[in-house]
């Protein structure tokens, strides 16, 4: 017998929220450790740095209007064009999923999952960011040229919907 669709979607929603909470716990734990950036890179690994810039950075939410700060539990999606240099030509695009946090134990404003879509592959990252400040992220892996990478990065996002100029900077340290 087939389950009603509301039960199936409720289970999917519950599982999805559980995954976000679990990923959040991992991200918050890494963000609290001052040496987390170093821990993401194995000893003896060869590293390379990659600086990317973004323009036309936007956040969208089904429940929030532009200019209103996210509240605990709000979800957003984001996107932008990726550039190798500020004001350069587009080399890819950036997508993100954000979950607004509010904890008396941490200064994180959001848990964020990032994907950098580049011509030669993708890079996936996870981390937390305080409102209006830079965020520290771990590189989860990648595809194409970036298959098997690890590392960390710092992100500074200024989305238009939160009063920014629609730009971002990403400073990645990748290891193999």
Protein backbone atom coordinates (compact mmCIF):
# COMPACT_ATOMS: atom_id res chain seq x y z
CA UNK A 1 0.00 0.00 0.00
CA UNK A 2 1.29 3.44 -0.91
CA UNK A 3 1.91 6.02 1.82
CA UNK A 4 0.18 9.38 1.57
CA UNK A 5 2.49 12.00 0.03
CA UNK A 6 2.28 14.22 3.14
CA UNK A 7 3.80 11.45 5.27
CA UNK A 8 6.56 10.82 2.75
CA UNK A 9 7.42 14.50 2.46
CA UNK A 10 7.33 14.87 6.26
CA UNK A 11 9.86 12.08 6.60
CA UNK A 12 12.06 13.60 3.87
CA UNK A 13 11.87 16.97 5.62
CA UNK A 14 12.75 15.42 8.98
CA UNK A 15 15.69 13.53 7.47
CA UNK A 16 16.88 16.66 5.68
CA UNK A 17 16.70 18.75 8.86
CA UNK A 18 18.53 15.99 10.74
CA UNK A 19 21.32 16.04 8.16
CA UNK A 20 21.60 19.82 8.39
CA UNK A 21 21.82 19.63 12.21
CA UNK A 22 24.50 16.93 12.02
CA UNK A 23 26.52 18.92 9.46
CA UNK A 24 26.07 21.99 11.63
CA UNK A 25 27.54 20.22 14.64
CA UNK A 26 30.58 19.24 12.58
CA UNK A 27 30.95 22.77 11.20
CA UNK A 28 30.58 24.45 14.58
CA UNK A 29 33.11 22.08 16.13
CA UNK A 30 35.65 22.87 13.41
CA UNK A 31 34.98 26.61 13.60
CA UNK A 32 35.64 26.69 17.37
CA UNK A 33 39.16 25.23 17.03
CA UNK A 34 41.73 27.89 16.13
CA UNK A 35 43.88 25.30 14.34
CA UNK A 36 40.99 23.97 12.22
CA UNK A 37 42.42 25.38 8.98
CA UNK A 38 45.69 23.49 9.54
CA UNK A 39 43.86 20.31 10.58
CA UNK A 40 42.05 20.18 7.24
CA UNK A 41 45.37 19.77 5.38
CA UNK A 42 47.21 16.47 5.85
CA UNK A 43 50.89 16.71 6.83
CA UNK A 44 53.17 16.40 3.80
CA UNK A 45 50.42 17.19 1.31
CA UNK A 46 51.20 19.49 -1.59
CA UNK A 47 49.12 22.64 -1.40
CA UNK A 48 47.98 25.26 -3.83
CA UNK A 49 46.10 28.48 -3.23
CA UNK A 50 43.16 29.67 -5.26
CA UNK A 51 41.61 33.11 -4.96
CA UNK A 52 38.17 33.60 -6.41
CA UNK A 53 35.97 36.66 -6.43
CA UNK A 54 32.24 36.94 -6.99
CA UNK A 55 29.82 39.50 -8.33
CA UNK A 56 26.03 39.62 -8.44
CA UNK A 57 25.84 37.73 -5.14
CA UNK A 58 22.21 37.25 -4.15
CA UNK A 59 20.39 35.40 -1.36
CA UNK A 60 16.84 34.17 -1.75
CA UNK A 61 14.42 32.89 0.86
CA UNK A 62 10.80 31.83 0.56
CA UNK A 63 10.02 33.42 3.93
CA UNK A 64 12.17 36.57 4.18
CA UNK A 65 12.19 39.88 2.36
CA UNK A 66 15.36 41.62 1.18
CA UNK A 67 16.92 43.86 3.83
CA UNK A 68 15.54 41.89 6.79
CA UNK A 69 18.14 39.95 8.76
CA UNK A 70 17.61 36.19 8.84
CA UNK A 71 16.30 34.71 12.07
CA UNK A 72 17.12 31.33 13.61
CA UNK A 73 15.96 28.53 11.31
CA UNK A 74 15.57 30.66 8.17
CA UNK A 75 16.87 28.99 5.02
CA UNK A 76 18.37 30.80 2.04
CA UNK A 77 19.88 29.87 -1.27
CA UNK A 78 22.58 31.98 -2.86
CA UNK A 79 24.29 32.37 -6.19
CA UNK A 80 26.93 34.53 -7.89
CA UNK A 81 29.30 34.68 -10.86
CA UNK A 82 32.86 33.60 -10.06
CA UNK A 83 35.88 35.59 -11.28
CA UNK A 84 39.67 35.06 -11.10
CA UNK A 85 40.20 38.80 -10.49
CA UNK A 86 37.94 41.51 -9.12
CA UNK A 87 36.08 42.99 -12.09
CA UNK A 88 37.45 40.23 -14.35
CA UNK A 89 35.55 37.94 -16.68
CA UNK A 90 33.35 35.13 -15.35
CA UNK A 91 35.11 31.76 -14.94
CA UNK A 92 32.25 29.89 -13.27
CA UNK A 93 29.48 30.28 -10.78
CA UNK A 94 28.91 29.88 -7.06
CA UNK A 95 25.89 28.36 -5.34
CA UNK A 96 25.14 28.10 -1.63
CA UNK A 97 22.61 26.88 0.89
CA UNK A 98 22.41 28.80 4.18
CA UNK A 99 20.71 27.94 7.45
CA UNK A 100 20.49 30.82 9.94
CA UNK A 101 21.71 29.91 13.43
CA UNK A 102 21.33 31.56 16.79
CA UNK A 103 23.26 30.02 19.65
CA UNK A 104 24.25 31.43 23.02
CA UNK A 105 27.37 29.24 22.82
CA UNK A 106 28.82 30.34 19.47
CA UNK A 107 29.04 33.43 17.31
CA UNK A 108 27.94 31.65 14.14
CA UNK A 109 25.19 33.38 12.21
CA UNK A 110 24.78 30.69 9.56
CA UNK A 111 25.72 27.19 8.52
CA UNK A 112 26.62 27.26 4.83
CA UNK A 113 27.17 24.67 2.13
CA UNK A 114 29.06 26.06 -0.89
CA UNK A 115 29.70 24.77 -4.40
CA UNK A 116 32.17 26.42 -6.76
CA UNK A 117 31.30 25.43 -10.35
CA UNK A 118 34.41 25.95 -12.53
CA UNK A 119 35.16 24.90 -16.12
CA UNK A 120 37.42 22.04 -15.00
CA UNK A 121 35.35 20.74 -12.05
CA UNK A 122 33.62 21.66 -8.82
CA UNK A 123 34.75 22.28 -5.25
CA UNK A 124 32.37 21.65 -2.33
CA UNK A 125 32.72 23.30 1.09
CA UNK A 126 30.98 23.50 4.46
CA UNK A 127 31.33 25.90 7.38
CA UNK A 128 29.88 28.65 9.51
CA UNK A 129 29.99 32.41 9.30
CA UNK A 130 29.16 35.13 11.80
CA UNK A 131 26.81 37.85 10.58
CA UNK A 132 28.76 40.50 8.71
CA UNK A 133 32.09 38.70 9.20
CA UNK A 134 34.25 36.24 7.34
CA UNK A 135 33.51 32.55 7.53
CA UNK A 136 35.91 29.65 7.81
CA UNK A 137 35.14 26.57 5.76
CA UNK A 138 36.44 23.07 5.15
CA UNK A 139 36.80 21.72 1.61
CA UNK A 140 34.77 18.52 1.49
CA UNK A 141 36.05 17.46 -1.94
CA UNK A 142 35.47 18.07 -5.57
CA UNK A 143 34.95 16.71 -9.04
CA UNK A 144 36.97 16.80 -12.26
CA UNK A 145 40.35 18.47 -11.72
CA UNK A 146 39.44 18.90 -8.04
CA UNK A 147 38.60 15.24 -7.35
CA UNK A 148 40.35 14.14 -4.16
CA UNK A 149 41.20 17.63 -2.86
CA UNK A 150 40.89 18.64 0.76
CA UNK A 151 41.73 21.86 2.52
CA UNK A 152 40.07 24.96 3.86
CA UNK A 153 39.08 28.46 2.84
CA UNK A 154 37.99 31.83 4.11
CA UNK A 155 34.89 33.43 2.60
CA UNK A 156 33.77 37.05 2.82
CA UNK A 157 30.25 37.44 1.45
CA UNK A 158 28.40 40.73 0.94
CA UNK A 159 24.97 39.82 -0.50
CA UNK A 160 22.79 42.66 -1.76
CA UNK A 161 19.76 41.45 0.18
CA UNK A 162 21.58 42.04 3.48
CA UNK A 163 22.90 45.50 2.60
CA UNK A 164 26.10 44.43 0.83
CA UNK A 165 27.39 45.35 -2.60
CA UNK A 166 26.80 41.89 -4.13
CA UNK A 167 30.45 40.79 -4.04
CA UNK A 168 32.41 38.03 -2.32
CA UNK A 169 35.99 36.85 -1.89
CA UNK A 170 37.15 33.27 -1.40
CA UNK A 171 40.71 32.38 -0.39
CA UNK A 172 41.14 28.61 -0.76
CA UNK A 173 44.06 26.42 0.28
CA UNK A 174 43.75 23.07 -1.49
CA UNK A 175 45.76 19.95 -0.69
CA UNK A 176 46.30 16.59 -2.35
